[in-house]
Amino acid sequence: MLSEKQQFQFEFLNDIYEISEICSTGTYIWGGFVIDILEGHFLREHDDIDCFTMNLLDVSHRMEAQFIQKGYSVTFLDGADMLQVKKNGCGAAFNRLEVENDIAMWRHIGNEGTVFFPRNWLSDTTYDFYGTGMLISGAEFEYAIKANVKMLSPVWELRQKDIASLEYWVKVLKKRNINPESILHEIRSDNPYWRKRGYEGY
């Protein structure tokens, strides 16, 4: 039995999938929700939904219109190239995702912060979540981000839920006969935002 919040977040996820399809793009869920989607059911309460959308800048206006039509409030943060969507106390953040020569580029702070990783880390097929198909970031991506969160922000420290997620992804990768440490050289970041403040990239 889903809680009221979980029921709404499921509807939110469904709207994300449908609107992305309407706008001829793909939105990938990343972060805590990915474990729930892989397991096929809610495992805990989530504060929000983290996403990145293929070629977001090309489709953001259409996506905004679709979400507004469904009763969501929408804000686009120009500096970060981030679409924020909210309704009923729940929110989702959409970042830019671009692909070039099989390299995925997640612009998590627009042009001021990018994570580069193999395109094949992203799911090619949808995962069923209460009857709705979801695209997800993938085990390699989730492990690599949790193993070095400083790729996103040099001042970010792992939270307890991040540590639990990291342990989960280590088990998933080992079941697939993938050495978790072996994939860390396949991901890197460049953060002009933080470099201007004296930090180096990873």
C-alpha atoms as a PDB file:
ATOM      1  CA  MET A   1       0.000   0.000   0.000  1.00  0.00           C
ATOM      2  CA  LEU A   2       1.519   3.290  -1.105  1.00  0.00           C
ATOM      3  CA  SER A   3       1.471   6.319   1.146  1.00  0.00           C
ATOM      4  CA  GLU A   4      -0.184   9.467  -0.169  1.00  0.00           C
ATOM      5  CA  LYS A   5       3.226  10.964  -0.935  1.00  0.00           C
ATOM      6  CA  GLN A   6       4.419   7.826  -2.701  1.00  0.00           C
ATOM      7  CA  GLN A   7       1.243   7.665  -4.769  1.00  0.00           C
ATOM      8  CA  PHE A   8       1.764  11.226  -5.930  1.00  0.00           C
ATOM      9  CA  GLN A   9       5.454  10.653  -6.647  1.00  0.00           C
ATOM     10  CA  PHE A  10       4.526   7.642  -8.758  1.00  0.00           C
ATOM     11  CA  GLU A  11       2.086   9.843 -10.711  1.00  0.00           C
ATOM     12  CA  PHE A  12       4.871  12.428 -11.009  1.00  0.00           C
ATOM     13  CA  LEU A  13       7.242   9.784 -12.430  1.00  0.00           C
ATOM     14  CA  ASN A  14       4.536   8.701 -14.855  1.00  0.00           C
ATOM     15  CA  ASP A  15       4.065  12.297 -16.019  1.00  0.00           C
ATOM     16  CA  ILE A  16       7.834  12.676 -16.472  1.00  0.00           C
ATOM     17  CA  TYR A  17       7.911   9.616 -18.718  1.00  0.00           C
ATOM     18  CA  GLU A  18       4.823  10.625 -20.727  1.00  0.00           C
ATOM     19  CA  ILE A  19       5.891  14.250 -21.200  1.00  0.00           C
ATOM     20  CA  SER A  20       9.396  13.202 -22.271  1.00  0.00           C
ATOM     21  CA  GLU A  21       7.830  10.880 -24.849  1.00  0.00           C
ATOM     22  CA  ILE A  22       5.566  13.677 -26.111  1.00  0.00           C
ATOM     23  CA  CYS A  23       8.604  15.954 -26.438  1.00  0.00           C
ATOM     24  CA  SER A  24      10.603  13.246 -28.273  1.00  0.00           C
ATOM     25  CA  THR A  25      13.335  13.089 -25.680  1.00  0.00           C
ATOM     26  CA  GLY A  26      14.482  10.798 -22.895  1.00  0.00           C
ATOM     27  CA  THR A  27      14.580  11.650 -19.210  1.00  0.00           C
ATOM     28  CA  TYR A  28      16.766   9.449 -17.008  1.00  0.00           C
ATOM     29  CA  ILE A  29      16.160   9.137 -13.289  1.00  0.00           C
ATOM     30  CA  TRP A  30      19.290   9.163 -11.148  1.00  0.00           C
ATOM     31  CA  GLY A  31      19.921   9.142  -7.412  1.00  0.00           C
ATOM     32  CA  GLY A  32      17.971   7.401  -4.681  1.00  0.00           C
ATOM     33  CA  PHE A  33      14.944   6.571  -6.782  1.00  0.00           C
ATOM     34  CA  VAL A  34      17.001   4.335  -9.088  1.00  0.00           C
ATOM     35  CA  ILE A  35      17.270   1.617  -6.436  1.00  0.00           C
ATOM     36  CA  ASP A  36      13.490   1.649  -5.930  1.00  0.00           C
ATOM     37  CA  ILE A  37      12.931   1.413  -9.694  1.00  0.00           C
ATOM     38  CA  LEU A  38      15.360  -1.504 -10.040  1.00  0.00           C
ATOM     39  CA  GLU A  39      13.712  -3.302  -7.136  1.00  0.00           C
ATOM     40  CA  GLY A  40      10.267  -2.571  -8.603  1.00  0.00           C
ATOM     41  CA  HIS A  41       8.717  -0.880  -5.579  1.00  0.00           C
ATOM     42  CA  PHE A  42       9.169   1.966  -3.100  1.00  0.00           C
ATOM     43  CA  LEU A  43      11.783   1.188  -0.460  1.00  0.00           C
ATOM     44  CA  ARG A  44      11.659   4.496   1.433  1.00  0.00           C
ATOM     45  CA  GLU A  45      10.318   8.023   1.371  1.00  0.00           C
ATOM     46  CA  HIS A  46      12.052  10.344  -1.100  1.00  0.00           C
ATOM     47  CA  ASP A  47      12.323  14.118  -0.877  1.00  0.00           C
ATOM     48  CA  ASP A  48      12.428  14.758  -4.623  1.00  0.00           C
ATOM     49  CA  ILE A  49      13.152  13.275  -8.042  1.00  0.00           C
ATOM     50  CA  ASP A  50      16.539  13.800  -9.708  1.00  0.00           C
ATOM     51  CA  CYS A  51      16.649  13.643 -13.511  1.00  0.00           C
ATOM     52  CA  PHE A  52      18.665  14.523 -16.559  1.00  0.00           C
ATOM     53  CA  THR A  53      17.012  15.014 -19.936  1.00  0.00           C
ATOM     54  CA  MET A  54      18.539  14.476 -23.364  1.00  0.00           C
ATOM     55  CA  ASN A  55      19.045  17.815 -25.138  1.00  0.00           C
ATOM     56  CA  LEU A  56      17.057  19.664 -22.489  1.00  0.00           C
ATOM     57  CA  LEU A  57      17.635  23.108 -23.973  1.00  0.00           C
ATOM     58  CA  ASP A  58      15.934  22.048 -27.206  1.00  0.00           C
ATOM     59  CA  VAL A  59      12.794  20.751 -25.484  1.00  0.00           C
ATOM     60  CA  SER A  60      12.517  22.735 -22.248  1.00  0.00           C
ATOM     61  CA  HIS A  61       9.790  25.100 -23.496  1.00  0.00           C
ATOM     62  CA  ARG A  62       7.624  22.207 -24.678  1.00  0.00           C
ATOM     63  CA  MET A  63       8.197  20.335 -21.440  1.00  0.00           C
ATOM     64  CA  GLU A  64       7.318  23.427 -19.393  1.00  0.00           C
ATOM     65  CA  ALA A  65       4.042  23.824 -21.293  1.00  0.00           C
ATOM     66  CA  GLN A  66       3.146  20.158 -20.785  1.00  0.00           C
ATOM     67  CA  PHE A  67       3.829  20.251 -17.049  1.00  0.00           C
ATOM     68  CA  ILE A  68       1.909  23.507 -16.611  1.00  0.00           C
ATOM     69  CA  GLN A  69      -1.037  21.943 -18.431  1.00  0.00           C
ATOM     70  CA  LYS A  70      -1.002  19.183 -15.810  1.00  0.00           C
ATOM     71  CA  GLY A  71      -1.060  21.669 -12.943  1.00  0.00           C
ATOM     72  CA  TYR A  72       2.639  21.778 -12.012  1.00  0.00           C
ATOM     73  CA  SER A  73       4.546  24.951 -11.206  1.00  0.00           C
ATOM     74  CA  VAL A  74       7.629  25.351 -13.378  1.00  0.00           C
ATOM     75  CA  THR A  75      10.841  27.385 -13.050  1.00  0.00           C
ATOM     76  CA  PHE A  76      13.828  27.400 -15.394  1.00  0.00           C
ATOM     77  CA  LEU A  77      17.143  28.426 -13.815  1.00  0.00           C
ATOM     78  CA  ASP A  78      19.110  30.060 -16.627  1.00  0.00           C
ATOM     79  CA  GLY A  79      22.502  30.013 -14.904  1.00  0.00           C
ATOM     80  CA  ALA A  80      22.338  26.272 -14.205  1.00  0.00           C
ATOM     81  CA  ASP A  81      20.194  25.305 -17.222  1.00  0.00           C
ATOM     82  CA  MET A  82      17.927  23.460 -14.799  1.00  0.00           C
ATOM     83  CA  LEU A  83      14.184  22.903 -15.087  1.00  0.00           C
ATOM     84  CA  GLN A  84      12.465  22.732 -11.691  1.00  0.00           C
ATOM     85  CA  VAL A  85       8.953  21.291 -11.520  1.00  0.00           C
ATOM     86  CA  LYS A  86       6.778  21.152  -8.379  1.00  0.00           C
ATOM     87  CA  LYS A  87       3.336  20.050  -7.275  1.00  0.00           C
ATOM     88  CA  ASN A  88       1.730  18.985  -4.003  1.00  0.00           C
ATOM     89  CA  GLY A  89       4.933  19.504  -2.053  1.00  0.00           C
ATOM     90  CA  CYS A  90       6.997  17.256  -4.346  1.00  0.00           C
ATOM     91  CA  GLY A  91       9.637  18.451  -6.762  1.00  0.00           C
ATOM     92  CA  ALA A  92      11.799  17.261  -9.631  1.00  0.00           C
ATOM     93  CA  ALA A  93      14.947  18.821 -11.071  1.00  0.00           C
ATOM     94  CA  PHE A  94      15.912  18.264 -14.724  1.00  0.00           C
ATOM     95  CA  ASN A  95      19.504  18.861 -15.878  1.00  0.00           C
ATOM     96  CA  ARG A  96      20.944  18.850 -19.386  1.00  0.00           C
ATOM     97  CA  LEU A  97      22.196  15.583 -20.849  1.00  0.00           C
ATOM     98  CA  GLU A  98      24.083  15.534 -24.135  1.00  0.00           C
ATOM     99  CA  VAL A  99      25.936  12.770 -25.992  1.00  0.00           C
ATOM    100  CA  GLU A 100      28.927  13.076 -28.307  1.00  0.00           C
ATOM    101  CA  ASN A 101      31.014  10.177 -29.650  1.00  0.00           C
ATOM    102  CA  ASP A 102      29.508   7.717 -27.136  1.00  0.00           C
ATOM    103  CA  ILE A 103      30.353  10.020 -24.228  1.00  0.00           C
ATOM    104  CA  ALA A 104      27.462  11.275 -22.119  1.00  0.00           C
ATOM    105  CA  MET A 105      27.795  14.776 -20.709  1.00  0.00           C
ATOM    106  CA  TRP A 106      25.671  15.623 -17.691  1.00  0.00           C
ATOM    107  CA  ARG A 107      25.619  19.423 -17.353  1.00  0.00           C
ATOM    108  CA  HIS A 108      24.686  19.513 -13.681  1.00  0.00           C
ATOM    109  CA  ILE A 109      25.493  23.243 -13.409  1.00  0.00           C
ATOM    110  CA  GLY A 110      24.895  24.069 -17.055  1.00  0.00           C
ATOM    111  CA  ASN A 111      28.191  25.076 -18.670  1.00  0.00           C
ATOM    112  CA  GLU A 112      29.730  25.587 -15.225  1.00  0.00           C
ATOM    113  CA  GLY A 113      29.796  21.902 -14.277  1.00  0.00           C
ATOM    114  CA  THR A 114      29.880  18.720 -16.372  1.00  0.00           C
ATOM    115  CA  VAL A 115      30.296  15.030 -15.582  1.00  0.00           C
ATOM    116  CA  PHE A 116      31.586  12.914 -18.498  1.00  0.00           C
ATOM    117  CA  PHE A 117      30.905   9.159 -18.602  1.00  0.00           C
ATOM    118  CA  PRO A 118      30.253   6.341 -21.132  1.00  0.00           C
ATOM    119  CA  ARG A 119      26.906   6.554 -22.907  1.00  0.00           C
ATOM    120  CA  ASN A 120      26.374   2.833 -22.428  1.00  0.00           C
ATOM    121  CA  TRP A 121      26.102   3.346 -18.672  1.00  0.00           C
ATOM    122  CA  LEU A 122      22.600   4.729 -19.295  1.00  0.00           C
ATOM    123  CA  SER A 123      19.720   2.280 -19.631  1.00  0.00           C
ATOM    124  CA  ASP A 124      18.670   1.602 -23.220  1.00  0.00           C
ATOM    125  CA  THR A 125      15.394  -0.005 -22.174  1.00  0.00           C
ATOM    126  CA  THR A 126      12.777   1.032 -19.660  1.00  0.00           C
ATOM    127  CA  TYR A 127      12.360  -0.558 -16.249  1.00  0.00           C
ATOM    128  CA  ASP A 128       8.849  -1.313 -15.066  1.00  0.00           C
ATOM    129  CA  PHE A 129       7.806   0.618 -11.968  1.00  0.00           C
ATOM    130  CA  TYR A 130       4.188  -0.023 -10.985  1.00  0.00           C
ATOM    131  CA  GLY A 131       3.299  -0.409 -14.650  1.00  0.00           C
ATOM    132  CA  THR A 132       5.181   2.631 -15.957  1.00  0.00           C
ATOM    133  CA  GLY A 133       8.411   2.420 -17.955  1.00  0.00           C
ATOM    134  CA  MET A 134      11.337   4.328 -16.448  1.00  0.00           C
ATOM    135  CA  LEU A 135      14.736   5.169 -17.915  1.00  0.00           C
ATOM    136  CA  ILE A 136      17.515   5.143 -15.316  1.00  0.00           C
ATOM    137  CA  SER A 137      21.140   6.210 -15.011  1.00  0.00           C
ATOM    138  CA  GLY A 138      22.524   2.703 -14.437  1.00  0.00           C
ATOM    139  CA  ALA A 139      24.614   0.877 -11.833  1.00  0.00           C
ATOM    140  CA  GLU A 140      28.030   2.047 -13.056  1.00  0.00           C
ATOM    141  CA  PHE A 141      26.993   5.686 -13.005  1.00  0.00           C
ATOM    142  CA  GLU A 142      25.351   5.452  -9.583  1.00  0.00           C
ATOM    143  CA  TYR A 143      28.360   3.743  -8.038  1.00  0.00           C
ATOM    144  CA  ALA A 144      30.880   6.138  -9.594  1.00  0.00           C
ATOM    145  CA  ILE A 145      28.974   9.235  -8.447  1.00  0.00           C
ATOM    146  CA  LYS A 146      28.534   7.931  -4.908  1.00  0.00           C
ATOM    147  CA  ALA A 147      32.167   6.784  -4.739  1.00  0.00           C
ATOM    148  CA  ASN A 148      33.342  10.311  -5.546  1.00  0.00           C
ATOM    149  CA  VAL A 149      30.642  12.875  -4.851  1.00  0.00           C
ATOM    150  CA  LYS A 150      33.273  15.589  -5.111  1.00  0.00           C
ATOM    151  CA  MET A 151      32.884  15.310  -8.884  1.00  0.00           C
ATOM    152  CA  LEU A 152      29.649  17.246  -8.302  1.00  0.00           C
ATOM    153  CA  SER A 153      30.763  19.483  -5.471  1.00  0.00           C
ATOM    154  CA  PRO A 154      34.061  19.547  -3.570  1.00  0.00           C
ATOM    155  CA  VAL A 155      32.177  20.487  -0.393  1.00  0.00           C
ATOM    156  CA  TRP A 156      29.596  17.673  -0.557  1.00  0.00           C
ATOM    157  CA  GLU A 157      29.954  15.017   2.119  1.00  0.00           C
ATOM    158  CA  LEU A 158      28.283  11.603   1.922  1.00  0.00           C
ATOM    159  CA  ARG A 159      25.069  11.282   3.907  1.00  0.00           C
ATOM    160  CA  GLN A 160      23.972   8.073   5.601  1.00  0.00           C
ATOM    161  CA  LYS A 161      21.587   7.286   2.747  1.00  0.00           C
ATOM    162  CA  ASP A 162      24.422   7.839   0.251  1.00  0.00           C
ATOM    163  CA  ILE A 163      26.603   5.331   2.114  1.00  0.00           C
ATOM    164  CA  ALA A 164      23.758   2.783   2.071  1.00  0.00           C
ATOM    165  CA  SER A 165      23.299   3.361  -1.689  1.00  0.00           C
ATOM    166  CA  LEU A 166      27.023   2.932  -2.302  1.00  0.00           C
ATOM    167  CA  GLU A 167      26.957  -0.443  -0.537  1.00  0.00           C
ATOM    168  CA  TYR A 168      23.969  -1.473  -2.657  1.00  0.00           C
ATOM    169  CA  TRP A 169      25.694  -0.577  -5.924  1.00  0.00           C
ATOM    170  CA  VAL A 170      28.877  -2.409  -4.959  1.00  0.00           C
ATOM    171  CA  LYS A 171      26.802  -5.575  -4.538  1.00  0.00           C
ATOM    172  CA  VAL A 172      25.007  -5.034  -7.867  1.00  0.00           C
ATOM    173  CA  LEU A 173      28.259  -4.552  -9.768  1.00  0.00           C
ATOM    174  CA  LYS A 174      29.916  -7.573  -8.170  1.00  0.00           C
ATOM    175  CA  LYS A 175      26.895  -9.715  -9.106  1.00  0.00           C
ATOM    176  CA  ARG A 176      27.545  -8.604 -12.694  1.00  0.00           C
ATOM    177  CA  ASN A 177      31.226  -9.574 -12.333  1.00  0.00           C
ATOM    178  CA  ILE A 178      32.295  -5.928 -12.559  1.00  0.00           C
ATOM    179  CA  ASN A 179      35.054  -4.705 -10.280  1.00  0.00           C
ATOM    180  CA  PRO A 180      33.657  -1.417  -8.906  1.00  0.00           C
ATOM    181  CA  GLU A 181      37.084   0.207  -8.680  1.00  0.00           C
ATOM    182  CA  SER A 182      37.804  -0.586 -12.333  1.00  0.00           C
ATOM    183  CA  ILE A 183      35.139   1.780 -13.656  1.00  0.00           C
ATOM    184  CA  LEU A 184      36.262   4.898 -11.793  1.00  0.00           C
ATOM    185  CA  HIS A 185      38.775   5.829 -14.506  1.00  0.00           C
ATOM    186  CA  GLU A 186      35.893   6.023 -17.028  1.00  0.00           C
ATOM    187  CA  ILE A 187      34.232   9.033 -15.435  1.00  0.00           C
ATOM    188  CA  ARG A 188      35.528  12.535 -14.903  1.00  0.00           C
ATOM    189  CA  SER A 189      34.233  15.988 -14.177  1.00  0.00           C
ATOM    190  CA  ASP A 190      35.009  19.580 -15.024  1.00  0.00           C
ATOM    191  CA  ASN A 191      33.622  22.280 -12.755  1.00  0.00           C
ATOM    192  CA  PRO A 192      34.472  25.842 -13.805  1.00  0.00           C
ATOM    193  CA  TYR A 193      32.126  27.073 -11.044  1.00  0.00           C
ATOM    194  CA  TRP A 194      34.264  25.457  -8.353  1.00  0.00           C
ATOM    195  CA  ARG A 195      37.591  25.972 -10.139  1.00  0.00           C
ATOM    196  CA  LYS A 196      36.999  29.722  -9.965  1.00  0.00           C
ATOM    197  CA  ARG A 197      36.756  29.218  -6.214  1.00  0.00           C
ATOM    198  CA  GLY A 198      40.103  27.431  -5.977  1.00  0.00           C
ATOM    199  CA  TYR A 199      39.085  23.772  -6.385  1.00  0.00           C
ATOM    200  CA  GLU A 200      40.451  21.342  -8.963  1.00  0.00           C
ATOM    201  CA  GLY A 201      38.487  18.991 -11.203  1.00  0.00           C
ATOM    202  CA  TYR A 202      38.302  15.208 -10.832  1.00  0.00           C
END
